[in-house]
Protein backbone atom coordinates (compact mmCIF):
# COMPACT_ATOMS: atom_id res chain seq x y z
CA UNK A 1 -142.42 -7.24 118.77
CA UNK A 2 -140.73 -9.36 121.19
CA UNK A 3 -142.60 -9.49 124.63
CA UNK A 4 -141.57 -12.53 126.26
CA UNK A 5 -137.91 -14.28 127.11
CA UNK A 6 -137.83 -17.93 127.49
CA UNK A 7 -134.96 -18.69 129.91
CA UNK A 8 -132.70 -21.95 130.20
CA UNK A 9 -134.94 -23.08 133.03
CA UNK A 10 -137.88 -22.76 130.97
CA UNK A 11 -139.32 -19.77 132.98
CA UNK A 12 -140.52 -17.14 130.99
CA UNK A 13 -140.05 -13.33 131.67
CA UNK A 14 -140.91 -9.92 130.45
CA UNK A 15 -138.43 -8.59 127.70
CA UNK A 16 -136.71 -5.65 128.99
CA UNK A 17 -134.55 -4.12 126.41
CA UNK A 18 -132.39 -2.10 128.70
CA UNK A 19 -130.78 -5.47 129.90
CA UNK A 20 -129.35 -5.39 126.41
CA UNK A 21 -127.99 -2.01 126.37
CA UNK A 22 -126.39 -2.24 129.94
CA UNK A 23 -125.06 -5.79 128.62
CA UNK A 24 -123.59 -4.04 125.46
CA UNK A 25 -122.11 -0.96 127.27
CA UNK A 26 -120.63 -3.54 129.73
CA UNK A 27 -118.91 -5.17 126.47
CA UNK A 28 -117.52 -1.59 125.44
CA UNK A 29 -119.98 -0.67 123.03
CA UNK A 30 -120.99 3.02 123.15
CA UNK A 31 -124.52 3.98 123.81
CA UNK A 32 -125.98 4.55 120.38
CA UNK A 33 -124.76 1.20 119.34
CA UNK A 34 -126.13 -0.68 122.41
CA UNK A 35 -129.35 1.07 121.77
CA UNK A 36 -129.47 0.03 118.07
CA UNK A 37 -128.85 -3.57 119.05
CA UNK A 38 -131.62 -3.42 121.15
CA UNK A 39 -133.86 -1.94 118.97
CA UNK A 40 -133.05 -4.62 116.49
CA UNK A 41 -133.53 -7.48 119.02
CA UNK A 42 -136.84 -5.75 120.26
CA UNK A 43 -138.34 -5.52 116.64
CA UNK A 44 -138.15 -9.20 115.88
CA UNK A 45 -141.47 -10.57 114.94
CA UNK A 46 -141.63 -13.31 117.51
CA UNK A 47 -143.45 -12.77 120.26
CA UNK A 48 -141.21 -15.01 122.66
CA UNK A 49 -137.52 -15.23 122.08
CA UNK A 50 -135.38 -17.73 123.80
CA UNK A 51 -132.14 -16.24 125.83
CA UNK A 52 -129.77 -18.25 123.36
CA UNK A 53 -131.42 -16.77 120.01
CA UNK A 54 -131.16 -13.11 122.19
CA UNK A 55 -127.36 -14.05 122.86
CA UNK A 56 -126.59 -14.84 119.20
CA UNK A 57 -128.34 -12.02 117.42
CA UNK A 58 -126.52 -9.67 120.01
CA UNK A 59 -123.14 -11.25 119.58
CA UNK A 60 -123.54 -11.00 115.95
CA UNK A 61 -124.47 -7.30 116.05
CA UNK A 62 -121.52 -6.24 118.38
CA UNK A 63 -119.08 -8.36 116.08
CA UNK A 64 -120.24 -6.26 113.18
CA UNK A 65 -120.03 -3.04 115.07
CA UNK A 66 -116.66 -4.08 116.62
CA UNK A 67 -114.97 -7.68 117.15
CA UNK A 68 -113.55 -6.37 120.55
CA UNK A 69 -116.77 -5.62 121.66
CA UNK A 70 -118.12 -9.24 121.02
CA UNK A 71 -115.00 -11.08 122.61
CA UNK A 72 -115.44 -8.90 125.55
CA UNK A 73 -119.16 -10.18 125.82
CA UNK A 74 -117.57 -13.71 125.37
CA UNK A 75 -115.00 -13.33 127.64
CA UNK A 76 -117.65 -12.03 130.65
CA UNK A 77 -119.64 -15.05 129.89
CA UNK A 78 -116.73 -17.58 130.50
CA UNK A 79 -115.92 -15.84 133.67
CA UNK A 80 -119.02 -16.07 134.92
CA UNK A 81 -119.57 -19.80 133.72
CA UNK A 82 -122.25 -19.23 131.45
CA UNK A 83 -120.65 -20.80 128.19
């Protein structure tokens, strides 16, 4: 189960599943899908995950649920200068 997130800066912070839920909701995913994706990431066997690994996993799951959710997430990242 994931306990820590390693950020791009090298810092670590506690894993907060609600951050994934909120991000998925902002991408247009319904609450049940957002929670399911957060559950999937949280259930990862690694104790620490890098933000890039979390992002990849979330995008994969959003794409499976509805490609429009994945595309909305990517568009938001581009607008924020994250990718």
